[in-house]
Structure formats: structure tokens, C-alpha cells
Amino acid sequence: MIQVAKDLGYEVIETDMSRIEMLTADEVWMTGTAAEVVIVTTIDNRSVGNGKPGKVATELQKKFADVVRGKDDRYASWIEYVN
């Protein structure tokens, strides 16, 4: 996702974040192999941003789905098809 985000024109900074930083963020999302991209709208029953999926997270979620389903030729070398 780091490379995909960069390819979409986003600045990527890898750092630890505190709970307070996440609660005051406009958007929060998580990614993992099995989880794919998960948009976080609440933390500790408090809304993140406006409490709805944000533009950036939604774009990254869609792009991740395209990449892992082989719908974006730029990332074709990342896919290993199994029979």
C-alpha cells in the first residue's frame, strides 16, 4: 500500500501514532494481507473525522481491490496466480 499510495500522489510517512493523533485525524485506515484495507470511522466509540469513510481511504481501498484482483497492469508482477 505504501507504493500504491505514492503512485496515487500521496506523501507517505511511516511513524508510530498515538491514540490521540488517530482520534484527531481526518481519516484512519489499516491494511493487512487478509484484512486488505479497512476504513476506521470510530475509535473508542468516538468518530474519526466526520465519522464516515474519507476520500483518501476510499480511494486506497478501491485501488487495493484493483491491484489484488489483477485489474491494474502496473502491479501485474505483484500477482502470483495459483491453480
PDB file of N, CA and C in Angstrom:
ATOM      1  N   MET A   1       0.806  -1.186   0.000  1.00  0.00           N
ATOM      2  CA  MET A   1       0.000   0.000   0.000  1.00  0.00           C
ATOM      3  C   MET A   1       0.852   1.254   0.000  1.00  0.00           C
ATOM      4  N   ILE A   2       2.027   1.163   0.570  1.00  0.00           N
ATOM      5  CA  ILE A   2       2.894   2.340   0.576  1.00  0.00           C
ATOM      6  C   ILE A   2       3.206   2.764  -0.857  1.00  0.00           C
ATOM      7  N   GLN A   3       3.613   1.823  -1.693  1.00  0.00           N
ATOM      8  CA  GLN A   3       3.942   2.152  -3.077  1.00  0.00           C
ATOM      9  C   GLN A   3       2.704   2.604  -3.842  1.00  0.00           C
ATOM     10  N   VAL A   4       1.593   1.945  -3.617  1.00  0.00           N
ATOM     11  CA  VAL A   4       0.348   2.320  -4.300  1.00  0.00           C
ATOM     12  C   VAL A   4      -0.045   3.745  -3.914  1.00  0.00           C
ATOM     13  N   ALA A   5       0.029   4.073  -2.637  1.00  0.00           N
ATOM     14  CA  ALA A   5      -0.309   5.427  -2.186  1.00  0.00           C
ATOM     15  C   ALA A   5       0.617   6.455  -2.830  1.00  0.00           C
ATOM     16  N   LYS A   6       1.905   6.144  -2.893  1.00  0.00           N
ATOM     17  CA  LYS A   6       2.853   7.053  -3.540  1.00  0.00           C
ATOM     18  C   LYS A   6       2.511   7.216  -5.014  1.00  0.00           C
ATOM     19  N   ASP A   7       2.173   6.105  -5.671  1.00  0.00           N
ATOM     20  CA  ASP A   7       1.822   6.156  -7.088  1.00  0.00           C
ATOM     21  C   ASP A   7       0.568   6.992  -7.335  1.00  0.00           C
ATOM     22  N   LEU A   8      -0.300   7.075  -6.342  1.00  0.00           N
ATOM     23  CA  LEU A   8      -1.506   7.902  -6.449  1.00  0.00           C
ATOM     24  C   LEU A   8      -1.227   9.365  -6.100  1.00  0.00           C
ATOM     25  N   GLY A   9       0.038   9.657  -5.747  1.00  0.00           N
ATOM     26  CA  GLY A   9       0.428  11.033  -5.489  1.00  0.00           C
ATOM     27  C   GLY A   9       0.400  11.460  -4.036  1.00  0.00           C
ATOM     28  N   TYR A  10       0.206  10.508  -3.127  1.00  0.00           N
ATOM     29  CA  TYR A  10       0.177  10.843  -1.706  1.00  0.00           C
ATOM     30  C   TYR A  10       1.577  10.803  -1.106  1.00  0.00           C
ATOM     31  N   GLU A  11       1.841  11.725  -0.205  1.00  0.00           N
ATOM     32  CA  GLU A  11       3.072  11.675   0.579  1.00  0.00           C
ATOM     33  C   GLU A  11       2.872  10.606   1.648  1.00  0.00           C
ATOM     34  N   VAL A  12       3.837   9.723   1.801  1.00  0.00           N
ATOM     35  CA  VAL A  12       3.734   8.633   2.768  1.00  0.00           C
ATOM     36  C   VAL A  12       4.800   8.814   3.837  1.00  0.00           C
ATOM     37  N   ILE A  13       4.364   8.800   5.085  1.00  0.00           N
ATOM     38  CA  ILE A  13       5.276   8.885   6.223  1.00  0.00           C
ATOM     39  C   ILE A  13       4.971   7.705   7.127  1.00  0.00           C
ATOM     40  N   GLU A  14       5.973   6.880   7.377  1.00  0.00           N
ATOM     41  CA  GLU A  14       5.799   5.753   8.297  1.00  0.00           C
ATOM     42  C   GLU A  14       6.239   6.188   9.684  1.00  0.00           C
ATOM     43  N   THR A  15       5.318   6.136  10.636  1.00  0.00           N
ATOM     44  CA  THR A  15       5.620   6.550  12.004  1.00  0.00           C
ATOM     45  C   THR A  15       4.605   5.935  12.961  1.00  0.00           C
ATOM     46  N   ASP A  16       4.980   5.852  14.211  1.00  0.00           N
ATOM     47  CA  ASP A  16       4.024   5.440  15.231  1.00  0.00           C
ATOM     48  C   ASP A  16       3.076   6.606  15.490  1.00  0.00           C
ATOM     49  N   MET A  17       1.823   6.287  15.786  1.00  0.00           N
ATOM     50  CA  MET A  17       0.831   7.316  16.097  1.00  0.00           C
ATOM     51  C   MET A  17       0.189   7.014  17.439  1.00  0.00           C
ATOM     52  N   SER A  18      -0.052   8.053  18.193  1.00  0.00           N
ATOM     53  CA  SER A  18      -0.749   7.881  19.469  1.00  0.00           C
ATOM     54  C   SER A  18      -2.254   7.780  19.218  1.00  0.00           C
ATOM     55  N   ARG A  19      -2.955   7.310  20.211  1.00  0.00           N
ATOM     56  CA  ARG A  19      -4.406   7.218  20.128  1.00  0.00           C
ATOM     57  C   ARG A  19      -5.005   8.610  19.894  1.00  0.00           C
ATOM     58  N   ILE A  20      -4.479   9.600  20.558  1.00  0.00           N
ATOM     59  CA  ILE A  20      -4.965  10.976  20.404  1.00  0.00           C
ATOM     60  C   ILE A  20      -4.781  11.458  18.968  1.00  0.00           C
ATOM     61  N   GLU A  21      -3.618  11.160  18.374  1.00  0.00           N
ATOM     62  CA  GLU A  21      -3.384  11.561  16.981  1.00  0.00           C
ATOM     63  C   GLU A  21      -4.391  10.904  16.049  1.00  0.00           C
ATOM     64  N   MET A  22      -4.695   9.643  16.303  1.00  0.00           N
ATOM     65  CA  MET A  22      -5.674   8.964  15.456  1.00  0.00           C
ATOM     66  C   MET A  22      -7.074   9.536  15.658  1.00  0.00           C
ATOM     67  N   LEU A  23      -7.422   9.860  16.896  1.00  0.00           N
ATOM     68  CA  LEU A  23      -8.747  10.416  17.177  1.00  0.00           C
ATOM     69  C   LEU A  23      -8.935  11.799  16.567  1.00  0.00           C
ATOM     70  N   THR A  24      -7.858  12.533  16.383  1.00  0.00           N
ATOM     71  CA  THR A  24      -7.969  13.878  15.816  1.00  0.00           C
ATOM     72  C   THR A  24      -7.658  13.909  14.317  1.00  0.00           C
ATOM     73  N   ALA A  25      -7.408  12.755  13.738  1.00  0.00           N
ATOM     74  CA  ALA A  25      -7.111  12.674  12.306  1.00  0.00           C
ATOM     75  C   ALA A  25      -8.378  12.872  11.479  1.00  0.00           C
ATOM     76  N   ASP A  26      -8.198  13.309  10.238  1.00  0.00           N
ATOM     77  CA  ASP A  26      -9.324  13.407   9.312  1.00  0.00           C
ATOM     78  C   ASP A  26      -9.783  12.025   8.873  1.00  0.00           C
ATOM     79  N   GLU A  27      -8.813  11.110   8.691  1.00  0.00           N
ATOM     80  CA  GLU A  27      -9.113   9.748   8.252  1.00  0.00           C
ATOM     81  C   GLU A  27      -8.143   8.783   8.919  1.00  0.00           C
ATOM     82  N   VAL A  28      -8.623   7.567   9.171  1.00  0.00           N
ATOM     83  CA  VAL A  28      -7.780   6.481   9.671  1.00  0.00           C
ATOM     84  C   VAL A  28      -8.147   5.230   8.895  1.00  0.00           C
ATOM     85  N   TRP A  29      -7.129   4.493   8.480  1.00  0.00           N
ATOM     86  CA  TRP A  29      -7.359   3.213   7.820  1.00  0.00           C
ATOM     87  C   TRP A  29      -6.214   2.292   8.176  1.00  0.00           C
ATOM     88  N   MET A  30      -6.474   1.006   8.063  1.00  0.00           N
ATOM     89  CA  MET A  30      -5.456  -0.010   8.342  1.00  0.00           C
ATOM     90  C   MET A  30      -5.387  -0.939   7.145  1.00  0.00           C
ATOM     91  N   THR A  31      -4.250  -1.575   6.994  1.00  0.00           N
ATOM     92  CA  THR A  31      -4.107  -2.526   5.901  1.00  0.00           C
ATOM     93  C   THR A  31      -3.356  -3.761   6.373  1.00  0.00           C
ATOM     94  N   GLY A  32      -3.664  -4.870   5.748  1.00  0.00           N
ATOM     95  CA  GLY A  32      -3.000  -6.128   6.041  1.00  0.00           C
ATOM     96  C   GLY A  32      -3.342  -7.129   4.957  1.00  0.00           C
ATOM     97  N   THR A  33      -2.593  -8.189   4.892  1.00  0.00           N
ATOM     98  CA  THR A  33      -2.790  -9.174   3.835  1.00  0.00           C
ATOM     99  C   THR A  33      -4.218  -9.707   3.820  1.00  0.00           C
ATOM    100  N   ALA A  34      -4.698 -10.169   4.937  1.00  0.00           N
ATOM    101  CA  ALA A  34      -6.052 -10.727   4.988  1.00  0.00           C
ATOM    102  C   ALA A  34      -7.115  -9.640   5.111  1.00  0.00           C
ATOM    103  N   ALA A  35      -6.797  -8.572   5.811  1.00  0.00           N
ATOM    104  CA  ALA A  35      -7.779  -7.511   6.052  1.00  0.00           C
ATOM    105  C   ALA A  35      -7.964  -6.597   4.845  1.00  0.00           C
ATOM    106  N   GLU A  36      -6.991  -6.596   3.932  1.00  0.00           N
ATOM    107  CA  GLU A  36      -6.960  -5.670   2.806  1.00  0.00           C
ATOM    108  C   GLU A  36      -6.902  -4.246   3.351  1.00  0.00           C
ATOM    109  N   VAL A  37      -7.807  -3.365   2.976  1.00  0.00           N
ATOM    110  CA  VAL A  37      -7.826  -2.001   3.520  1.00  0.00           C
ATOM    111  C   VAL A  37      -9.111  -1.837   4.316  1.00  0.00           C
ATOM    112  N   VAL A  38      -8.964  -1.539   5.598  1.00  0.00           N
ATOM    113  CA  VAL A  38     -10.108  -1.367   6.488  1.00  0.00           C
ATOM    114  C   VAL A  38     -10.188   0.107   6.875  1.00  0.00           C
ATOM    115  N   ILE A  39     -11.314   0.723   6.576  1.00  0.00           N
ATOM    116  CA  ILE A  39     -11.525   2.120   6.936  1.00  0.00           C
ATOM    117  C   ILE A  39     -12.046   2.172   8.369  1.00  0.00           C
ATOM    118  N   VAL A  40     -11.390   2.983   9.196  1.00  0.00           N
ATOM    119  CA  VAL A  40     -11.765   3.121  10.605  1.00  0.00           C
ATOM    120  C   VAL A  40     -12.566   4.414  10.757  1.00  0.00           C
ATOM    121  N   THR A  41     -13.808   4.313  11.211  1.00  0.00           N
ATOM    122  CA  THR A  41     -14.644   5.502  11.386  1.00  0.00           C
ATOM    123  C   THR A  41     -14.871   5.848  12.851  1.00  0.00           C
ATOM    124  N   THR A  42     -14.585   4.891  13.748  1.00  0.00           N
ATOM    125  CA  THR A  42     -14.690   5.171  15.180  1.00  0.00           C
ATOM    126  C   THR A  42     -13.539   4.509  15.925  1.00  0.00           C
ATOM    127  N   ILE A  43     -13.097   5.168  16.982  1.00  0.00           N
ATOM    128  CA  ILE A  43     -12.100   4.625  17.906  1.00  0.00           C
ATOM    129  C   ILE A  43     -12.624   4.917  19.306  1.00  0.00           C
ATOM    130  N   ASP A  44     -12.736   3.890  20.115  1.00  0.00           N
ATOM    131  CA  ASP A  44     -13.269   4.060  21.476  1.00  0.00           C
ATOM    132  C   ASP A  44     -14.623   4.767  21.462  1.00  0.00           C
ATOM    133  N   ASN A  45     -15.483   4.388  20.526  1.00  0.00           N
ATOM    134  CA  ASN A  45     -16.826   4.967  20.379  1.00  0.00           C
ATOM    135  C   ASN A  45     -16.808   6.459  20.048  1.00  0.00           C
ATOM    136  N   ARG A  46     -15.700   6.961  19.534  1.00  0.00           N
ATOM    137  CA  ARG A  46     -15.598   8.356  19.105  1.00  0.00           C
ATOM    138  C   ARG A  46     -15.373   8.373  17.599  1.00  0.00           C
ATOM    139  N   SER A  47     -16.036   9.288  16.934  1.00  0.00           N
ATOM    140  CA  SER A  47     -15.900   9.385  15.484  1.00  0.00           C
ATOM    141  C   SER A  47     -14.516   9.865  15.086  1.00  0.00           C
ATOM    142  N   VAL A  48     -14.011   9.285  14.017  1.00  0.00           N
ATOM    143  CA  VAL A  48     -12.791   9.768  13.376  1.00  0.00           C
ATOM    144  C   VAL A  48     -13.254  10.693  12.257  1.00  0.00           C
ATOM    145  N   GLY A  49     -12.716  11.902  12.206  1.00  0.00           N
ATOM    146  CA  GLY A  49     -13.165  12.867  11.201  1.00  0.00           C
ATOM    147  C   GLY A  49     -14.653  13.107  11.341  1.00  0.00           C
ATOM    148  N   ASN A  50     -15.370  12.988  10.226  1.00  0.00           N
ATOM    149  CA  ASN A  50     -16.821  13.182  10.275  1.00  0.00           C
ATOM    150  C   ASN A  50     -17.572  11.881  10.552  1.00  0.00           C
ATOM    151  N   GLY A  51     -16.829  10.820  10.855  1.00  0.00           N
ATOM    152  CA  GLY A  51     -17.459   9.540  11.172  1.00  0.00           C
ATOM    153  C   GLY A  51     -17.845   8.721   9.953  1.00  0.00           C
ATOM    154  N   LYS A  52     -17.442   9.195   8.774  1.00  0.00           N
ATOM    155  CA  LYS A  52     -17.746   8.489   7.524  1.00  0.00           C
ATOM    156  C   LYS A  52     -16.441   8.181   6.793  1.00  0.00           C
ATOM    157  N   PRO A  53     -16.452   7.166   5.929  1.00  0.00           N
ATOM    158  CA  PRO A  53     -15.242   6.875   5.155  1.00  0.00           C
ATOM    159  C   PRO A  53     -14.795   8.113   4.376  1.00  0.00           C
ATOM    160  N   GLY A  54     -13.498   8.401   4.444  1.00  0.00           N
ATOM    161  CA  GLY A  54     -12.962   9.579   3.773  1.00  0.00           C
ATOM    162  C   GLY A  54     -12.537   9.295   2.344  1.00  0.00           C
ATOM    163  N   LYS A  55     -12.258  10.367   1.615  1.00  0.00           N
ATOM    164  CA  LYS A  55     -11.894  10.281   0.201  1.00  0.00           C
ATOM    165  C   LYS A  55     -10.611   9.479  -0.017  1.00  0.00           C
ATOM    166  N   VAL A  56      -9.586   9.762   0.777  1.00  0.00           N
ATOM    167  CA  VAL A  56      -8.294   9.095   0.588  1.00  0.00           C
ATOM    168  C   VAL A  56      -8.413   7.608   0.896  1.00  0.00           C
ATOM    169  N   ALA A  57      -8.980   7.276   2.047  1.00  0.00           N
ATOM    170  CA  ALA A  57      -9.113   5.868   2.441  1.00  0.00           C
ATOM    171  C   ALA A  57      -9.970   5.097   1.446  1.00  0.00           C
ATOM    172  N   THR A  58     -11.029   5.721   0.970  1.00  0.00           N
ATOM    173  CA  THR A  58     -11.903   5.064  -0.004  1.00  0.00           C
ATOM    174  C   THR A  58     -11.159   4.816  -1.314  1.00  0.00           C
ATOM    175  N   GLU A  59     -10.366   5.799  -1.752  1.00  0.00           N
ATOM    176  CA  GLU A  59      -9.578   5.632  -2.975  1.00  0.00           C
ATOM    177  C   GLU A  59      -8.552   4.512  -2.814  1.00  0.00           C
ATOM    178  N   LEU A  60      -7.878   4.474  -1.662  1.00  0.00           N
ATOM    179  CA  LEU A  60      -6.890   3.427  -1.418  1.00  0.00           C
ATOM    180  C   LEU A  60      -7.545   2.051  -1.332  1.00  0.00           C
ATOM    181  N   GLN A  61      -8.709   1.969  -0.724  1.00  0.00           N
ATOM    182  CA  GLN A  61      -9.430   0.699  -0.621  1.00  0.00           C
ATOM    183  C   GLN A  61      -9.790   0.174  -2.013  1.00  0.00           C
ATOM    184  N   LYS A  62     -10.286   1.058  -2.870  1.00  0.00           N
ATOM    185  CA  LYS A  62     -10.650   0.658  -4.231  1.00  0.00           C
ATOM    186  C   LYS A  62      -9.410   0.242  -5.023  1.00  0.00           C
ATOM    187  N   LYS A  63      -8.334   1.014  -4.906  1.00  0.00           N
ATOM    188  CA  LYS A  63      -7.118   0.699  -5.653  1.00  0.00           C
ATOM    189  C   LYS A  63      -6.526  -0.623  -5.191  1.00  0.00           C
ATOM    190  N   PHE A  64      -6.545  -0.889  -3.876  1.00  0.00           N
ATOM    191  CA  PHE A  64      -6.054  -2.162  -3.356  1.00  0.00           C
ATOM    192  C   PHE A  64      -6.841  -3.311  -3.980  1.00  0.00           C
ATOM    193  N   ALA A  65      -8.162  -3.172  -4.027  1.00  0.00           N
ATOM    194  CA  ALA A  65      -9.001  -4.215  -4.622  1.00  0.00           C
ATOM    195  C   ALA A  65      -8.630  -4.428  -6.088  1.00  0.00           C
ATOM    196  N   ASP A  66      -8.400  -3.351  -6.821  1.00  0.00           N
ATOM    197  CA  ASP A  66      -7.999  -3.476  -8.226  1.00  0.00           C
ATOM    198  C   ASP A  66      -6.661  -4.196  -8.357  1.00  0.00           C
ATOM    199  N   VAL A  67      -5.709  -3.853  -7.500  1.00  0.00           N
ATOM    200  CA  VAL A  67      -4.373  -4.452  -7.568  1.00  0.00           C
ATOM    201  C   VAL A  67      -4.436  -5.949  -7.301  1.00  0.00           C
ATOM    202  N   VAL A  68      -5.074  -6.356  -6.206  1.00  0.00           N
ATOM    203  CA  VAL A  68      -5.069  -7.776  -5.844  1.00  0.00           C
ATOM    204  C   VAL A  68      -5.942  -8.622  -6.765  1.00  0.00           C
ATOM    205  N   ARG A  69      -6.816  -7.992  -7.513  1.00  0.00           N
ATOM    206  CA  ARG A  69      -7.656  -8.726  -8.461  1.00  0.00           C
ATOM    207  C   ARG A  69      -7.107  -8.655  -9.888  1.00  0.00           C
ATOM    208  N   GLY A  70      -5.887  -8.107 -10.021  1.00  0.00           N
ATOM    209  CA  GLY A  70      -5.217  -8.072 -11.317  1.00  0.00           C
ATOM    210  C   GLY A  70      -5.810  -7.081 -12.297  1.00  0.00           C
ATOM    211  N   LYS A  71      -6.477  -6.042 -11.803  1.00  0.00           N
ATOM    212  CA  LYS A  71      -7.135  -5.072 -12.678  1.00  0.00           C
ATOM    213  C   LYS A  71      -6.278  -3.846 -12.985  1.00  0.00           C
ATOM    214  N   ASP A  72      -5.047  -3.824 -12.499  1.00  0.00           N
ATOM    215  CA  ASP A  72      -4.144  -2.704 -12.772  1.00  0.00           C
ATOM    216  C   ASP A  72      -2.814  -3.282 -13.239  1.00  0.00           C
ATOM    217  N   ASP A  73      -2.540  -3.129 -14.524  1.00  0.00           N
ATOM    218  CA  ASP A  73      -1.347  -3.733 -15.130  1.00  0.00           C
ATOM    219  C   ASP A  73      -0.036  -3.240 -14.526  1.00  0.00           C
ATOM    220  N   ARG A  74      -0.032  -2.059 -13.899  1.00  0.00           N
ATOM    221  CA  ARG A  74       1.204  -1.554 -13.290  1.00  0.00           C
ATOM    222  C   ARG A  74       1.708  -2.473 -12.185  1.00  0.00           C
ATOM    223  N   TYR A  75       0.811  -3.248 -11.604  1.00  0.00           N
ATOM    224  CA  TYR A  75       1.176  -4.107 -10.479  1.00  0.00           C
ATOM    225  C   TYR A  75       1.052  -5.593 -10.825  1.00  0.00           C
ATOM    226  N   ALA A  76       1.037  -5.907 -12.103  1.00  0.00           N
ATOM    227  CA  ALA A  76       0.865  -7.297 -12.540  1.00  0.00           C
ATOM    228  C   ALA A  76       1.948  -8.210 -11.973  1.00  0.00           C
ATOM    229  N   SER A  77       3.158  -7.698 -11.807  1.00  0.00           N
ATOM    230  CA  SER A  77       4.250  -8.531 -11.288  1.00  0.00           C
ATOM    231  C   SER A  77       4.068  -8.862  -9.808  1.00  0.00           C
ATOM    232  N   TRP A  78       3.151  -8.199  -9.135  1.00  0.00           N
ATOM    233  CA  TRP A  78       2.886  -8.469  -7.719  1.00  0.00           C
ATOM    234  C   TRP A  78       1.954  -9.661  -7.532  1.00  0.00           C
ATOM    235  N   ILE A  79       1.315 -10.090  -8.598  1.00  0.00           N
ATOM    236  CA  ILE A  79       0.286 -11.131  -8.507  1.00  0.00           C
ATOM    237  C   ILE A  79       0.894 -12.492  -8.834  1.00  0.00           C
ATOM    238  N   GLU A  80       0.605 -13.462  -7.998  1.00  0.00           N
ATOM    239  CA  GLU A  80       1.013 -14.850  -8.241  1.00  0.00           C
ATOM    240  C   GLU A  80      -0.266 -15.683  -8.299  1.00  0.00           C
ATOM    241  N   TYR A  81      -0.636 -16.081  -9.493  1.00  0.00           N
ATOM    242  CA  TYR A  81      -1.857 -16.872  -9.662  1.00  0.00           C
ATOM    243  C   TYR A  81      -1.586 -18.325  -9.301  1.00  0.00           C
ATOM    244  N   VAL A  82      -2.514 -18.950  -8.616  1.00  0.00           N
ATOM    245  CA  VAL A  82      -2.402 -20.364  -8.251  1.00  0.00           C
ATOM    246  C   VAL A  82      -3.605 -21.110  -8.800  1.00  0.00           C
ATOM    247  N   ASN A  83      -3.361 -22.361  -9.164  1.00  0.00           N
ATOM    248  CA  ASN A  83      -4.439 -23.205  -9.695  1.00  0.00           C
ATOM    249  C   ASN A  83      -4.906 -24.177  -8.652  1.00  0.00           C
TER     250      ASN A  83
END
